Amino acid sequence: MAGTNGGRPSIYPTLLYADAKTAIRQLTEALGFTELSVYEGEDGSVLHAELVQGNGGVMIGSKGRDGVFDTAMKGAGPCGVYVVVDDVDAHHRRAVDHGAEILMPPTDQDYGSRDYMARDAEGNIWSFGTYAPEIEA
């Protein structure tokens, strides 16, 4: 099965933004992602970007490029993505320090996780927590 060895995740949430450059800046500065790669078109749009956190990643692009994926995503609403982090409280402080909209502060959950929730500038919901279920190959 892909993603079970070699350090390559097999699932990458993919989000399109009206202002992908601002989204990348917010995700890296406020929410702790690391920019792996960004490919821009001649017009400055983000053709494809990869951001990573831990052993997972997300792909980012600009809306309005009229490709197959952009066309398929037209009218799609915001999405929610869950990201595992080691220190929820430190991660939350960083998000607050950078002005992220916090929807739920760090909270201990009945299922054993500690997590918080934030909304990005275009309405996507990002949850960060300690819950990391084991996936058996």
C-alpha atoms as a PDB file:
ATOM      1  CA  MET A   1       0.000   0.000   0.000  1.00  0.00           C
ATOM      2  CA  ALA A   2       1.350   3.451  -0.874  1.00  0.00           C
ATOM      3  CA  GLY A   3       2.402   5.622   2.020  1.00  0.00           C
ATOM      4  CA  THR A   4       3.223   2.834   4.467  1.00  0.00           C
ATOM      5  CA  ASN A   5       6.972   3.035   4.009  1.00  0.00           C
ATOM      6  CA  GLY A   6       9.598   5.393   2.672  1.00  0.00           C
ATOM      7  CA  GLY A   7       8.169   8.361   4.583  1.00  0.00           C
ATOM      8  CA  ARG A   8       5.654   9.318   1.898  1.00  0.00           C
ATOM      9  CA  PRO A   9       2.073   9.956   2.997  1.00  0.00           C
ATOM     10  CA  SER A  10      -0.557   8.497   0.706  1.00  0.00           C
ATOM     11  CA  ILE A  11      -3.192  11.192   1.289  1.00  0.00           C
ATOM     12  CA  TYR A  12      -2.725  14.907   0.577  1.00  0.00           C
ATOM     13  CA  PRO A  13      -5.633  17.273   1.133  1.00  0.00           C
ATOM     14  CA  THR A  14      -5.679  19.723  -1.780  1.00  0.00           C
ATOM     15  CA  LEU A  15      -7.084  23.222  -1.361  1.00  0.00           C
ATOM     16  CA  LEU A  16      -7.605  26.024  -3.852  1.00  0.00           C
ATOM     17  CA  TYR A  17      -7.529  29.640  -2.691  1.00  0.00           C
ATOM     18  CA  ALA A  18      -8.504  32.939  -4.300  1.00  0.00           C
ATOM     19  CA  ASP A  19      -5.276  34.286  -2.788  1.00  0.00           C
ATOM     20  CA  ALA A  20      -3.001  31.262  -2.563  1.00  0.00           C
ATOM     21  CA  LYS A  21       0.091  33.324  -1.696  1.00  0.00           C
ATOM     22  CA  THR A  22      -1.628  34.768   1.383  1.00  0.00           C
ATOM     23  CA  ALA A  23      -2.849  31.283   2.327  1.00  0.00           C
ATOM     24  CA  ILE A  24       0.696  29.898   2.093  1.00  0.00           C
ATOM     25  CA  ARG A  25       1.993  32.761   4.239  1.00  0.00           C
ATOM     26  CA  GLN A  26      -0.712  32.178   6.891  1.00  0.00           C
ATOM     27  CA  LEU A  27      -0.224  28.407   6.916  1.00  0.00           C
ATOM     28  CA  THR A  28       3.547  28.728   7.306  1.00  0.00           C
ATOM     29  CA  GLU A  29       3.763  31.702   9.660  1.00  0.00           C
ATOM     30  CA  ALA A  30       0.705  31.180  11.874  1.00  0.00           C
ATOM     31  CA  LEU A  31      -0.018  27.471  11.616  1.00  0.00           C
ATOM     32  CA  GLY A  32       3.485  26.039  11.488  1.00  0.00           C
ATOM     33  CA  PHE A  33       3.647  24.430   8.048  1.00  0.00           C
ATOM     34  CA  THR A  34       6.923  24.344   6.119  1.00  0.00           C
ATOM     35  CA  GLU A  35       6.977  25.329   2.474  1.00  0.00           C
ATOM     36  CA  LEU A  36       8.364  22.433   0.443  1.00  0.00           C
ATOM     37  CA  SER A  37       7.772  23.818  -3.048  1.00  0.00           C
ATOM     38  CA  VAL A  38       5.825  26.553  -4.844  1.00  0.00           C
ATOM     39  CA  TYR A  39       5.397  26.748  -8.617  1.00  0.00           C
ATOM     40  CA  GLU A  40       3.992  29.975 -10.028  1.00  0.00           C
ATOM     41  CA  GLY A  41       2.535  30.793 -13.406  1.00  0.00           C
ATOM     42  CA  GLU A  42       3.655  33.748 -15.479  1.00  0.00           C
ATOM     43  CA  ASP A  43       0.719  35.722 -14.068  1.00  0.00           C
ATOM     44  CA  GLY A  44       1.878  35.098 -10.476  1.00  0.00           C
ATOM     45  CA  SER A  45      -0.817  32.527  -9.697  1.00  0.00           C
ATOM     46  CA  VAL A  46       0.180  29.475  -7.677  1.00  0.00           C
ATOM     47  CA  LEU A  47       0.066  26.532 -10.052  1.00  0.00           C
ATOM     48  CA  HIS A  48       1.042  24.054  -7.348  1.00  0.00           C
ATOM     49  CA  ALA A  49       2.486  24.289  -3.844  1.00  0.00           C
ATOM     50  CA  GLU A  50       3.338  21.672  -1.270  1.00  0.00           C
ATOM     51  CA  LEU A  51       3.411  22.441   2.446  1.00  0.00           C
ATOM     52  CA  VAL A  52       4.396  19.902   5.067  1.00  0.00           C
ATOM     53  CA  GLN A  53       3.919  19.369   8.765  1.00  0.00           C
ATOM     54  CA  GLY A  54       5.227  16.283  10.503  1.00  0.00           C
ATOM     55  CA  ASN A  55       5.059  13.391   8.041  1.00  0.00           C
ATOM     56  CA  GLY A  56       2.038  14.793   6.166  1.00  0.00           C
ATOM     57  CA  GLY A  57       1.409  17.481   3.643  1.00  0.00           C
ATOM     58  CA  VAL A  58      -1.136  19.573   1.799  1.00  0.00           C
ATOM     59  CA  MET A  59      -1.204  20.806  -1.773  1.00  0.00           C
ATOM     60  CA  ILE A  60      -2.253  24.392  -2.483  1.00  0.00           C
ATOM     61  CA  GLY A  61      -3.174  26.162  -5.701  1.00  0.00           C
ATOM     62  CA  SER A  62      -4.841  29.313  -6.999  1.00  0.00           C
ATOM     63  CA  LYS A  63      -8.518  29.351  -7.919  1.00  0.00           C
ATOM     64  CA  GLY A  64      -9.541  30.560 -11.344  1.00  0.00           C
ATOM     65  CA  ARG A  65      -6.987  28.800 -13.525  1.00  0.00           C
ATOM     66  CA  ASP A  66      -9.709  26.795 -15.329  1.00  0.00           C
ATOM     67  CA  GLY A  67      -7.897  23.466 -15.202  1.00  0.00           C
ATOM     68  CA  VAL A  68      -9.720  20.184 -14.614  1.00  0.00           C
ATOM     69  CA  PHE A  69      -9.299  20.314 -10.821  1.00  0.00           C
ATOM     70  CA  ASP A  70     -10.240  24.001 -10.598  1.00  0.00           C
ATOM     71  CA  THR A  71     -13.358  23.350 -12.697  1.00  0.00           C
ATOM     72  CA  ALA A  72     -14.326  20.353 -10.552  1.00  0.00           C
ATOM     73  CA  MET A  73     -13.893  22.410  -7.362  1.00  0.00           C
ATOM     74  CA  LYS A  74     -16.045  25.356  -8.520  1.00  0.00           C
ATOM     75  CA  GLY A  75     -18.696  26.020  -5.924  1.00  0.00           C
ATOM     76  CA  ALA A  76     -17.103  23.693  -3.370  1.00  0.00           C
ATOM     77  CA  GLY A  77     -17.317  24.933   0.187  1.00  0.00           C
ATOM     78  CA  PRO A  78     -14.578  25.186   2.747  1.00  0.00           C
ATOM     79  CA  CYS A  79     -13.034  21.967   3.959  1.00  0.00           C
ATOM     80  CA  GLY A  80     -11.714  20.722   7.268  1.00  0.00           C
ATOM     81  CA  VAL A  81      -8.271  19.221   7.773  1.00  0.00           C
ATOM     82  CA  TYR A  82      -6.898  17.583  10.935  1.00  0.00           C
ATOM     83  CA  VAL A  83      -3.155  17.824  11.615  1.00  0.00           C
ATOM     84  CA  VAL A  84      -1.290  15.950  14.349  1.00  0.00           C
ATOM     85  CA  VAL A  85       1.115  18.081  16.402  1.00  0.00           C
ATOM     86  CA  ASP A  86       3.227  17.228  19.442  1.00  0.00           C
ATOM     87  CA  ASP A  87       2.566  20.343  21.556  1.00  0.00           C
ATOM     88  CA  VAL A  88      -0.967  21.647  21.027  1.00  0.00           C
ATOM     89  CA  ASP A  89      -0.601  24.545  23.464  1.00  0.00           C
ATOM     90  CA  ALA A  90       2.621  25.859  21.890  1.00  0.00           C
ATOM     91  CA  HIS A  91       1.124  25.457  18.423  1.00  0.00           C
ATOM     92  CA  HIS A  92      -1.991  27.344  19.541  1.00  0.00           C
ATOM     93  CA  ARG A  93       0.113  30.191  21.011  1.00  0.00           C
ATOM     94  CA  ARG A  94       1.901  30.556  17.686  1.00  0.00           C
ATOM     95  CA  ALA A  95      -1.417  30.728  15.831  1.00  0.00           C
ATOM     96  CA  VAL A  96      -2.757  33.349  18.255  1.00  0.00           C
ATOM     97  CA  ASP A  97       0.466  35.382  18.044  1.00  0.00           C
ATOM     98  CA  HIS A  98       0.011  35.531  14.262  1.00  0.00           C
ATOM     99  CA  GLY A  99      -3.639  36.562  14.455  1.00  0.00           C
ATOM    100  CA  ALA A 100      -5.275  33.296  13.373  1.00  0.00           C
ATOM    101  CA  GLU A 101      -9.013  33.073  14.022  1.00  0.00           C
ATOM    102  CA  ILE A 102      -9.392  30.516  16.799  1.00  0.00           C
ATOM    103  CA  LEU A 103     -12.714  28.658  16.839  1.00  0.00           C
ATOM    104  CA  MET A 104     -11.925  26.411  19.808  1.00  0.00           C
ATOM    105  CA  PRO A 105      -9.031  26.820  22.261  1.00  0.00           C
ATOM    106  CA  PRO A 106      -6.928  23.818  23.289  1.00  0.00           C
ATOM    107  CA  THR A 107      -9.390  21.331  24.753  1.00  0.00           C
ATOM    108  CA  ASP A 108      -9.001  17.843  26.206  1.00  0.00           C
ATOM    109  CA  GLN A 109     -11.343  15.469  24.353  1.00  0.00           C
ATOM    110  CA  ASP A 110     -13.129  12.393  25.719  1.00  0.00           C
ATOM    111  CA  TYR A 111     -11.259  10.163  23.243  1.00  0.00           C
ATOM    112  CA  GLY A 112      -7.870  11.161  24.665  1.00  0.00           C
ATOM    113  CA  SER A 113      -6.797  13.934  22.302  1.00  0.00           C
ATOM    114  CA  ARG A 114      -5.984  17.533  23.109  1.00  0.00           C
ATOM    115  CA  ASP A 115      -6.779  19.779  20.189  1.00  0.00           C
ATOM    116  CA  TYR A 116      -7.801  23.230  18.999  1.00  0.00           C
ATOM    117  CA  MET A 117      -9.492  24.584  15.896  1.00  0.00           C
ATOM    118  CA  ALA A 118      -8.754  27.581  13.658  1.00  0.00           C
ATOM    119  CA  ARG A 119     -10.234  29.067  10.486  1.00  0.00           C
ATOM    120  CA  ASP A 120      -7.973  30.298   7.690  1.00  0.00           C
ATOM    121  CA  ALA A 121      -8.531  33.503   5.742  1.00  0.00           C
ATOM    122  CA  GLU A 122     -10.766  31.763   3.182  1.00  0.00           C
ATOM    123  CA  GLY A 123     -12.932  29.769   5.587  1.00  0.00           C
ATOM    124  CA  ASN A 124     -11.232  26.362   5.727  1.00  0.00           C
ATOM    125  CA  ILE A 125     -11.189  24.754   9.166  1.00  0.00           C
ATOM    126  CA  TRP A 126      -7.878  23.483  10.516  1.00  0.00           C
ATOM    127  CA  SER A 127      -7.829  21.275  13.620  1.00  0.00           C
ATOM    128  CA  PHE A 128      -4.529  20.571  15.356  1.00  0.00           C
ATOM    129  CA  GLY A 129      -4.264  17.874  17.991  1.00  0.00           C
ATOM    130  CA  THR A 130      -2.511  14.921  19.519  1.00  0.00           C
ATOM    131  CA  TYR A 131      -4.850  12.202  18.251  1.00  0.00           C
ATOM    132  CA  ALA A 132      -2.926   9.998  15.813  1.00  0.00           C
ATOM    133  CA  PRO A 133      -4.600   6.637  15.187  1.00  0.00           C
ATOM    134  CA  GLU A 134      -2.299   3.791  14.245  1.00  0.00           C
ATOM    135  CA  ILE A 135      -2.838   2.590  10.691  1.00  0.00           C
ATOM    136  CA  GLU A 136      -1.831  -1.004  10.184  1.00  0.00           C
ATOM    137  CA  ALA A 137      -0.421  -2.017   6.816  1.00  0.00           C
END
